[in-house]
Amino acid sequence: MKKNTILCTAVLSVIALNGLLNSQILLAAEPTIQSGENTYLDFRKETIYFVFLDRFSDGDPNNNTGKNAETYNPNNLKKYIGGDIK
């Protein structure tokens, strides 16, 4: 359990550091103005991070409130379980 927490913390730290470094590079670059019709931002070339918190360790069982039995079942790993970063 402790190894999972350390691993999750390390992964989130790397993601945060990567985002911070990338934002510093973007802030240091000078803005350019493009002319023409293709001035939209192509999100297919962007990096987007999304973290699924329902697969983390359950650090606080007091906040486990499953109101819908069809979507919440702690005994079924294919359903939403919930998780805490603690």
PDB file of N, CA and C in Angstrom:
ATOM      1  N   MET A   1       0.823  -1.186   0.000  1.00  0.00           N
ATOM      2  CA  MET A   1       0.000   0.000   0.000  1.00  0.00           C
ATOM      3  C   MET A   1       0.865   1.247   0.000  1.00  0.00           C
ATOM      4  N   LYS A   2       1.934   1.222   0.799  1.00  0.00           N
ATOM      5  CA  LYS A   2       2.818   2.378   0.865  1.00  0.00           C
ATOM      6  C   LYS A   2       3.561   2.566  -0.460  1.00  0.00           C
ATOM      7  N   LYS A   3       3.922   1.437  -1.114  1.00  0.00           N
ATOM      8  CA  LYS A   3       4.614   1.534  -2.406  1.00  0.00           C
ATOM      9  C   LYS A   3       3.707   2.176  -3.447  1.00  0.00           C
ATOM     10  N   ASN A   4       2.417   1.823  -3.420  1.00  0.00           N
ATOM     11  CA  ASN A   4       1.471   2.414  -4.376  1.00  0.00           C
ATOM     12  C   ASN A   4       1.348   3.911  -4.159  1.00  0.00           C
ATOM     13  N   THR A   5       1.302   4.329  -2.901  1.00  0.00           N
ATOM     14  CA  THR A   5       1.197   5.754  -2.599  1.00  0.00           C
ATOM     15  C   THR A   5       2.438   6.496  -3.070  1.00  0.00           C
ATOM     16  N   ILE A   6       3.596   5.920  -2.834  1.00  0.00           N
ATOM     17  CA  ILE A   6       4.844   6.545  -3.274  1.00  0.00           C
ATOM     18  C   ILE A   6       4.898   6.609  -4.791  1.00  0.00           C
ATOM     19  N   LEU A   7       4.485   5.530  -5.452  1.00  0.00           N
ATOM     20  CA  LEU A   7       4.481   5.499  -6.914  1.00  0.00           C
ATOM     21  C   LEU A   7       3.521   6.545  -7.475  1.00  0.00           C
ATOM     22  N   CYS A   8       2.327   6.632  -6.916  1.00  0.00           N
ATOM     23  CA  CYS A   8       1.348   7.619  -7.389  1.00  0.00           C
ATOM     24  C   CYS A   8       1.854   9.037  -7.175  1.00  0.00           C
ATOM     25  N   THR A   9       2.471   9.281  -6.040  1.00  0.00           N
ATOM     26  CA  THR A   9       3.028  10.602  -5.766  1.00  0.00           C
ATOM     27  C   THR A   9       4.132  10.935  -6.758  1.00  0.00           C
ATOM     28  N   ALA A  10       4.968   9.960  -7.067  1.00  0.00           N
ATOM     29  CA  ALA A  10       6.057  10.185  -8.019  1.00  0.00           C
ATOM     30  C   ALA A  10       5.511  10.488  -9.412  1.00  0.00           C
ATOM     31  N   VAL A  11       4.496   9.738  -9.841  1.00  0.00           N
ATOM     32  CA  VAL A  11       3.917   9.950 -11.169  1.00  0.00           C
ATOM     33  C   VAL A  11       3.287  11.336 -11.257  1.00  0.00           C
ATOM     34  N   LEU A  12       2.534  11.720 -10.240  1.00  0.00           N
ATOM     35  CA  LEU A  12       1.908  13.041 -10.257  1.00  0.00           C
ATOM     36  C   LEU A  12       2.944  14.153 -10.203  1.00  0.00           C
ATOM     37  N   SER A  13       4.033  13.929  -9.487  1.00  0.00           N
ATOM     38  CA  SER A  13       5.099  14.930  -9.421  1.00  0.00           C
ATOM     39  C   SER A  13       5.753  15.121 -10.782  1.00  0.00           C
ATOM     40  N   VAL A  14       5.987  14.028 -11.484  1.00  0.00           N
ATOM     41  CA  VAL A  14       6.593  14.111 -12.816  1.00  0.00           C
ATOM     42  C   VAL A  14       5.659  14.839 -13.776  1.00  0.00           C
ATOM     43  N   ILE A  15       4.371  14.538 -13.702  1.00  0.00           N
ATOM     44  CA  ILE A  15       3.404  15.205 -14.575  1.00  0.00           C
ATOM     45  C   ILE A  15       3.364  16.702 -14.280  1.00  0.00           C
ATOM     46  N   ALA A  16       3.331  17.055 -12.996  1.00  0.00           N
ATOM     47  CA  ALA A  16       3.293  18.472 -12.622  1.00  0.00           C
ATOM     48  C   ALA A  16       4.570  19.189 -13.040  1.00  0.00           C
ATOM     49  N   LEU A  17       5.713  18.552 -12.843  1.00  0.00           N
ATOM     50  CA  LEU A  17       6.985  19.164 -13.214  1.00  0.00           C
ATOM     51  C   LEU A  17       7.074  19.342 -14.720  1.00  0.00           C
ATOM     52  N   ASN A  18       6.612  18.352 -15.464  1.00  0.00           N
ATOM     53  CA  ASN A  18       6.620  18.445 -16.921  1.00  0.00           C
ATOM     54  C   ASN A  18       5.741  19.607 -17.382  1.00  0.00           C
ATOM     55  N   GLY A  19       4.558  19.744 -16.793  1.00  0.00           N
ATOM     56  CA  GLY A  19       3.684  20.860 -17.143  1.00  0.00           C
ATOM     57  C   GLY A  19       4.295  22.194 -16.787  1.00  0.00           C
ATOM     58  N   LEU A  20       4.963  22.262 -15.640  1.00  0.00           N
ATOM     59  CA  LEU A  20       5.610  23.505 -15.218  1.00  0.00           C
ATOM     60  C   LEU A  20       6.736  23.883 -16.165  1.00  0.00           C
ATOM     61  N   LEU A  21       7.561  22.915 -16.533  1.00  0.00           N
ATOM     62  CA  LEU A  21       8.671  23.204 -17.443  1.00  0.00           C
ATOM     63  C   LEU A  21       8.160  23.624 -18.815  1.00  0.00           C
ATOM     64  N   ASN A  22       7.122  22.951 -19.299  1.00  0.00           N
ATOM     65  CA  ASN A  22       6.567  23.322 -20.601  1.00  0.00           C
ATOM     66  C   ASN A  22       5.968  24.714 -20.562  1.00  0.00           C
ATOM     67  N   SER A  23       5.324  25.093 -19.461  1.00  0.00           N
ATOM     68  CA  SER A  23       4.742  26.429 -19.389  1.00  0.00           C
ATOM     69  C   SER A  23       5.833  27.488 -19.321  1.00  0.00           C
ATOM     70  N   GLN A  24       6.959  27.190 -18.678  1.00  0.00           N
ATOM     71  CA  GLN A  24       8.059  28.149 -18.624  1.00  0.00           C
ATOM     72  C   GLN A  24       8.641  28.373 -20.014  1.00  0.00           C
ATOM     73  N   ILE A  25       8.729  27.321 -20.791  1.00  0.00           N
ATOM     74  CA  ILE A  25       9.241  27.452 -22.154  1.00  0.00           C
ATOM     75  C   ILE A  25       8.290  28.314 -22.977  1.00  0.00           C
ATOM     76  N   LEU A  26       6.982  28.088 -22.811  1.00  0.00           N
ATOM     77  CA  LEU A  26       6.010  28.871 -23.561  1.00  0.00           C
ATOM     78  C   LEU A  26       6.013  30.331 -23.128  1.00  0.00           C
ATOM     79  N   LEU A  27       6.217  30.585 -21.842  1.00  0.00           N
ATOM     80  CA  LEU A  27       6.250  31.968 -21.375  1.00  0.00           C
ATOM     81  C   LEU A  27       7.488  32.702 -21.877  1.00  0.00           C
ATOM     82  N   ALA A  28       8.582  31.979 -22.075  1.00  0.00           N
ATOM     83  CA  ALA A  28       9.814  32.605 -22.528  1.00  0.00           C
ATOM     84  C   ALA A  28       9.781  32.907 -24.028  1.00  0.00           C
ATOM     85  N   ALA A  29       8.948  32.220 -24.778  1.00  0.00           N
ATOM     86  CA  ALA A  29       8.883  32.424 -26.219  1.00  0.00           C
ATOM     87  C   ALA A  29       8.143  33.719 -26.531  1.00  0.00           C
ATOM     88  N   GLU A  30       8.555  34.373 -27.599  1.00  0.00           N
ATOM     89  CA  GLU A  30       7.889  35.596 -28.020  1.00  0.00           C
ATOM     90  C   GLU A  30       6.664  35.235 -28.852  1.00  0.00           C
ATOM     91  N   PRO A  31       5.575  35.959 -28.654  1.00  0.00           N
ATOM     92  CA  PRO A  31       4.366  35.651 -29.417  1.00  0.00           C
ATOM     93  C   PRO A  31       4.539  36.009 -30.890  1.00  0.00           C
ATOM     94  N   THR A  32       3.952  35.207 -31.724  1.00  0.00           N
ATOM     95  CA  THR A  32       3.975  35.482 -33.157  1.00  0.00           C
ATOM     96  C   THR A  32       2.539  35.621 -33.637  1.00  0.00           C
ATOM     97  N   ILE A  33       2.344  36.475 -34.586  1.00  0.00           N
ATOM     98  CA  ILE A  33       1.020  36.689 -35.155  1.00  0.00           C
ATOM     99  C   ILE A  33       1.014  36.072 -36.539  1.00  0.00           C
ATOM    100  N   GLN A  34       0.064  35.169 -36.736  1.00  0.00           N
ATOM    101  CA  GLN A  34      -0.058  34.523 -38.032  1.00  0.00           C
ATOM    102  C   GLN A  34      -1.194  35.185 -38.798  1.00  0.00           C
ATOM    103  N   SER A  35      -0.997  35.314 -40.060  1.00  0.00           N
ATOM    104  CA  SER A  35      -2.069  35.846 -40.890  1.00  0.00           C
ATOM    105  C   SER A  35      -2.582  34.728 -41.779  1.00  0.00           C
ATOM    106  N   GLY A  36      -3.833  34.804 -42.108  1.00  0.00           N
ATOM    107  CA  GLY A  36      -4.418  33.785 -42.950  1.00  0.00           C
ATOM    108  C   GLY A  36      -5.589  33.114 -42.254  1.00  0.00           C
ATOM    109  N   GLU A  37      -6.113  32.097 -42.896  1.00  0.00           N
ATOM    110  CA  GLU A  37      -7.307  31.434 -42.379  1.00  0.00           C
ATOM    111  C   GLU A  37      -6.982  30.360 -41.344  1.00  0.00           C
ATOM    112  N   ASN A  38      -5.788  29.803 -41.340  1.00  0.00           N
ATOM    113  CA  ASN A  38      -5.446  28.701 -40.443  1.00  0.00           C
ATOM    114  C   ASN A  38      -4.806  29.207 -39.155  1.00  0.00           C
ATOM    115  N   THR A  39      -5.517  30.040 -38.405  1.00  0.00           N
ATOM    116  CA  THR A  39      -4.974  30.569 -37.158  1.00  0.00           C
ATOM    117  C   THR A  39      -5.566  29.876 -35.931  1.00  0.00           C
ATOM    118  N   TYR A  40      -6.306  28.793 -36.117  1.00  0.00           N
ATOM    119  CA  TYR A  40      -6.900  28.082 -34.993  1.00  0.00           C
ATOM    120  C   TYR A  40      -5.857  27.187 -34.320  1.00  0.00           C
ATOM    121  N   LEU A  41      -6.112  26.844 -33.072  1.00  0.00           N
ATOM    122  CA  LEU A  41      -5.232  25.966 -32.317  1.00  0.00           C
ATOM    123  C   LEU A  41      -5.638  24.523 -32.581  1.00  0.00           C
ATOM    124  N   ASP A  42      -4.712  23.736 -33.053  1.00  0.00           N
ATOM    125  CA  ASP A  42      -4.985  22.335 -33.343  1.00  0.00           C
ATOM    126  C   ASP A  42      -4.709  21.511 -32.087  1.00  0.00           C
ATOM    127  N   PHE A  43      -5.759  21.104 -31.386  1.00  0.00           N
ATOM    128  CA  PHE A  43      -5.603  20.376 -30.134  1.00  0.00           C
ATOM    129  C   PHE A  43      -5.035  18.976 -30.334  1.00  0.00           C
ATOM    130  N   ARG A  44      -5.019  18.475 -31.546  1.00  0.00           N
ATOM    131  CA  ARG A  44      -4.420  17.158 -31.790  1.00  0.00           C
ATOM    132  C   ARG A  44      -2.915  17.180 -31.570  1.00  0.00           C
ATOM    133  N   LYS A  45      -2.310  18.367 -31.605  1.00  0.00           N
ATOM    134  CA  LYS A  45      -0.868  18.494 -31.400  1.00  0.00           C
ATOM    135  C   LYS A  45      -0.525  18.893 -29.970  1.00  0.00           C
ATOM    136  N   GLU A  46      -1.525  19.094 -29.120  1.00  0.00           N
ATOM    137  CA  GLU A  46      -1.304  19.532 -27.743  1.00  0.00           C
ATOM    138  C   GLU A  46      -1.257  18.333 -26.801  1.00  0.00           C
ATOM    139  N   THR A  47      -0.589  18.516 -25.674  1.00  0.00           N
ATOM    140  CA  THR A  47      -0.534  17.493 -24.635  1.00  0.00           C
ATOM    141  C   THR A  47      -1.565  17.830 -23.575  1.00  0.00           C
ATOM    142  N   ILE A  48      -2.468  16.885 -23.319  1.00  0.00           N
ATOM    143  CA  ILE A  48      -3.514  17.074 -22.318  1.00  0.00           C
ATOM    144  C   ILE A  48      -3.406  15.934 -21.318  1.00  0.00           C
ATOM    145  N   TYR A  49      -3.335  16.276 -20.029  1.00  0.00           N
ATOM    146  CA  TYR A  49      -3.225  15.272 -18.975  1.00  0.00           C
ATOM    147  C   TYR A  49      -4.562  15.125 -18.264  1.00  0.00           C
ATOM    148  N   PHE A  50      -4.918  13.891 -17.992  1.00  0.00           N
ATOM    149  CA  PHE A  50      -6.126  13.608 -17.231  1.00  0.00           C
ATOM    150  C   PHE A  50      -5.813  12.464 -16.284  1.00  0.00           C
ATOM    151  N   VAL A  51      -6.090  12.658 -15.015  1.00  0.00           N
ATOM    152  CA  VAL A  51      -5.771  11.650 -14.007  1.00  0.00           C
ATOM    153  C   VAL A  51      -7.072  11.048 -13.506  1.00  0.00           C
ATOM    154  N   PHE A  52      -7.159   9.716 -13.549  1.00  0.00           N
ATOM    155  CA  PHE A  52      -8.323   9.013 -13.026  1.00  0.00           C
ATOM    156  C   PHE A  52      -8.126   8.762 -11.542  1.00  0.00           C
ATOM    157  N   LEU A  53      -8.794   9.529 -10.708  1.00  0.00           N
ATOM    158  CA  LEU A  53      -8.623   9.388  -9.266  1.00  0.00           C
ATOM    159  C   LEU A  53      -9.362   8.188  -8.697  1.00  0.00           C
ATOM    160  N   ASP A  54     -10.237   7.571  -9.455  1.00  0.00           N
ATOM    161  CA  ASP A  54     -10.969   6.439  -8.901  1.00  0.00           C
ATOM    162  C   ASP A  54     -10.123   5.173  -8.843  1.00  0.00           C
ATOM    163  N   ARG A  55      -8.917   5.194  -9.340  1.00  0.00           N
ATOM    164  CA  ARG A  55      -8.051   4.017  -9.291  1.00  0.00           C
ATOM    165  C   ARG A  55      -6.931   4.168  -8.275  1.00  0.00           C
ATOM    166  N   PHE A  56      -6.940   5.256  -7.498  1.00  0.00           N
ATOM    167  CA  PHE A  56      -5.940   5.433  -6.460  1.00  0.00           C
ATOM    168  C   PHE A  56      -6.353   4.680  -5.205  1.00  0.00           C
ATOM    169  N   SER A  57      -5.425   4.542  -4.305  1.00  0.00           N
ATOM    170  CA  SER A  57      -5.685   3.882  -3.031  1.00  0.00           C
ATOM    171  C   SER A  57      -6.723   4.672  -2.237  1.00  0.00           C
ATOM    172  N   ASP A  58      -7.530   3.957  -1.488  1.00  0.00           N
ATOM    173  CA  ASP A  58      -8.575   4.587  -0.689  1.00  0.00           C
ATOM    174  C   ASP A  58      -7.998   4.998   0.653  1.00  0.00           C
ATOM    175  N   GLY A  59      -7.495   6.221   0.740  1.00  0.00           N
ATOM    176  CA  GLY A  59      -6.849   6.696   1.957  1.00  0.00           C
ATOM    177  C   GLY A  59      -7.820   7.141   3.032  1.00  0.00           C
ATOM    178  N   ASP A  60      -9.046   7.493   2.655  1.00  0.00           N
ATOM    179  CA  ASP A  60     -10.037   7.948   3.626  1.00  0.00           C
ATOM    180  C   ASP A  60     -11.363   7.247   3.349  1.00  0.00           C
ATOM    181  N   PRO A  61     -11.637   6.126   4.017  1.00  0.00           N
ATOM    182  CA  PRO A  61     -12.886   5.397   3.759  1.00  0.00           C
ATOM    183  C   PRO A  61     -14.132   6.130   4.257  1.00  0.00           C
ATOM    184  N   ASN A  62     -13.965   7.211   5.016  1.00  0.00           N
ATOM    185  CA  ASN A  62     -15.122   7.946   5.525  1.00  0.00           C
ATOM    186  C   ASN A  62     -15.853   8.727   4.436  1.00  0.00           C
ATOM    187  N   ASN A  63     -15.185   8.992   3.304  1.00  0.00           N
ATOM    188  CA  ASN A  63     -15.855   9.750   2.247  1.00  0.00           C
ATOM    189  C   ASN A  63     -16.359   8.852   1.117  1.00  0.00           C
ATOM    190  N   ASN A  64     -16.446   7.571   1.351  1.00  0.00           N
ATOM    191  CA  ASN A  64     -16.967   6.635   0.352  1.00  0.00           C
ATOM    192  C   ASN A  64     -18.489   6.626   0.433  1.00  0.00           C
ATOM    193  N   THR A  65     -19.118   7.341  -0.445  1.00  0.00           N
ATOM    194  CA  THR A  65     -20.579   7.382  -0.455  1.00  0.00           C
ATOM    195  C   THR A  65     -21.063   6.964  -1.826  1.00  0.00           C
ATOM    196  N   GLY A  66     -21.463   5.725  -1.929  1.00  0.00           N
ATOM    197  CA  GLY A  66     -22.013   5.230  -3.182  1.00  0.00           C
ATOM    198  C   GLY A  66     -23.521   5.329  -3.159  1.00  0.00           C
ATOM    199  N   LYS A  67     -24.070   6.278  -3.895  1.00  0.00           N
ATOM    200  CA  LYS A  67     -25.518   6.489  -3.886  1.00  0.00           C
ATOM    201  C   LYS A  67     -26.227   5.667  -4.953  1.00  0.00           C
ATOM    202  N   ASN A  68     -25.485   5.193  -5.942  1.00  0.00           N
ATOM    203  CA  ASN A  68     -26.082   4.426  -7.026  1.00  0.00           C
ATOM    204  C   ASN A  68     -25.400   3.070  -7.081  1.00  0.00           C
ATOM    205  N   ALA A  69     -26.125   2.022  -6.745  1.00  0.00           N
ATOM    206  CA  ALA A  69     -25.549   0.676  -6.694  1.00  0.00           C
ATOM    207  C   ALA A  69     -25.119   0.179  -8.071  1.00  0.00           C
ATOM    208  N   GLU A  70     -25.680   0.745  -9.135  1.00  0.00           N
ATOM    209  CA  GLU A  70     -25.305   0.309 -10.482  1.00  0.00           C
ATOM    210  C   GLU A  70     -23.931   0.828 -10.891  1.00  0.00           C
ATOM    211  N   THR A  71     -23.499   1.942 -10.319  1.00  0.00           N
ATOM    212  CA  THR A  71     -22.204   2.513 -10.694  1.00  0.00           C
ATOM    213  C   THR A  71     -21.172   2.447  -9.585  1.00  0.00           C
ATOM    214  N   TYR A  72     -21.582   2.221  -8.347  1.00  0.00           N
ATOM    215  CA  TYR A  72     -20.633   2.187  -7.227  1.00  0.00           C
ATOM    216  C   TYR A  72     -20.702   0.833  -6.539  1.00  0.00           C
ATOM    217  N   ASN A  73     -19.596   0.111  -6.601  1.00  0.00           N
ATOM    218  CA  ASN A  73     -19.482  -1.158  -5.892  1.00  0.00           C
ATOM    219  C   ASN A  73     -18.007  -1.377  -5.600  1.00  0.00           C
ATOM    220  N   PRO A  74     -17.565  -1.212  -4.350  1.00  0.00           N
ATOM    221  CA  PRO A  74     -16.148  -1.359  -4.033  1.00  0.00           C
ATOM    222  C   PRO A  74     -15.610  -2.761  -4.269  1.00  0.00           C
ATOM    223  N   ASN A  75     -16.488  -3.745  -4.391  1.00  0.00           N
ATOM    224  CA  ASN A  75     -16.043  -5.120  -4.612  1.00  0.00           C
ATOM    225  C   ASN A  75     -15.901  -5.459  -6.088  1.00  0.00           C
ATOM    226  N   ASN A  76     -16.341  -4.590  -6.973  1.00  0.00           N
ATOM    227  CA  ASN A  76     -16.257  -4.817  -8.412  1.00  0.00           C
ATOM    228  C   ASN A  76     -15.304  -3.779  -9.005  1.00  0.00           C
ATOM    229  N   LEU A  77     -14.110  -4.212  -9.422  1.00  0.00           N
ATOM    230  CA  LEU A  77     -13.094  -3.282  -9.914  1.00  0.00           C
ATOM    231  C   LEU A  77     -13.445  -2.645 -11.255  1.00  0.00           C
ATOM    232  N   LYS A  78     -14.455  -3.156 -11.951  1.00  0.00           N
ATOM    233  CA  LYS A  78     -14.852  -2.569 -13.229  1.00  0.00           C
ATOM    234  C   LYS A  78     -15.768  -1.362 -13.043  1.00  0.00           C
ATOM    235  N   LYS A  79     -16.241  -1.154 -11.828  1.00  0.00           N
ATOM    236  CA  LYS A  79     -17.114  -0.020 -11.548  1.00  0.00           C
ATOM    237  C   LYS A  79     -16.333   1.058 -10.830  1.00  0.00           C
ATOM    238  N   TYR A  80     -16.933   2.229 -10.719  1.00  0.00           N
ATOM    239  CA  TYR A  80     -16.289   3.349 -10.030  1.00  0.00           C
ATOM    240  C   TYR A  80     -16.087   2.995  -8.569  1.00  0.00           C
ATOM    241  N   ILE A  81     -14.875   3.158  -8.096  1.00  0.00           N
ATOM    242  CA  ILE A  81     -14.549   2.806  -6.719  1.00  0.00           C
ATOM    243  C   ILE A  81     -14.301   4.054  -5.897  1.00  0.00           C
ATOM    244  N   GLY A  82     -13.597   4.981  -6.413  1.00  0.00           N
ATOM    245  CA  GLY A  82     -13.231   6.187  -5.667  1.00  0.00           C
ATOM    246  C   GLY A  82     -11.823   6.052  -5.125  1.00  0.00           C
ATOM    247  N   GLY A  83     -11.176   7.149  -4.940  1.00  0.00           N
ATOM    248  CA  GLY A  83      -9.815   7.111  -4.433  1.00  0.00           C
ATOM    249  C   GLY A  83      -9.416   8.452  -3.872  1.00  0.00           C
ATOM    250  N   ASP A  84      -8.403   8.424  -3.052  1.00  0.00           N
ATOM    251  CA  ASP A  84      -7.901   9.630  -2.404  1.00  0.00           C
ATOM    252  C   ASP A  84      -6.402   9.719  -2.636  1.00  0.00           C
ATOM    253  N   ILE A  85      -5.912  10.913  -2.720  1.00  0.00           N
ATOM    254  CA  ILE A  85      -4.467  11.102  -2.789  1.00  0.00           C
ATOM    255  C   ILE A  85      -4.028  11.522  -1.399  1.00  0.00           C
ATOM    256  N   LYS A  86      -3.768  10.533  -0.567  1.00  0.00           N
ATOM    257  CA  LYS A  86      -3.326  10.791   0.810  1.00  0.00           C
ATOM    258  C   LYS A  86      -2.171   9.891   1.130  1.00  0.00           C
TER     259      LYS A  86
END
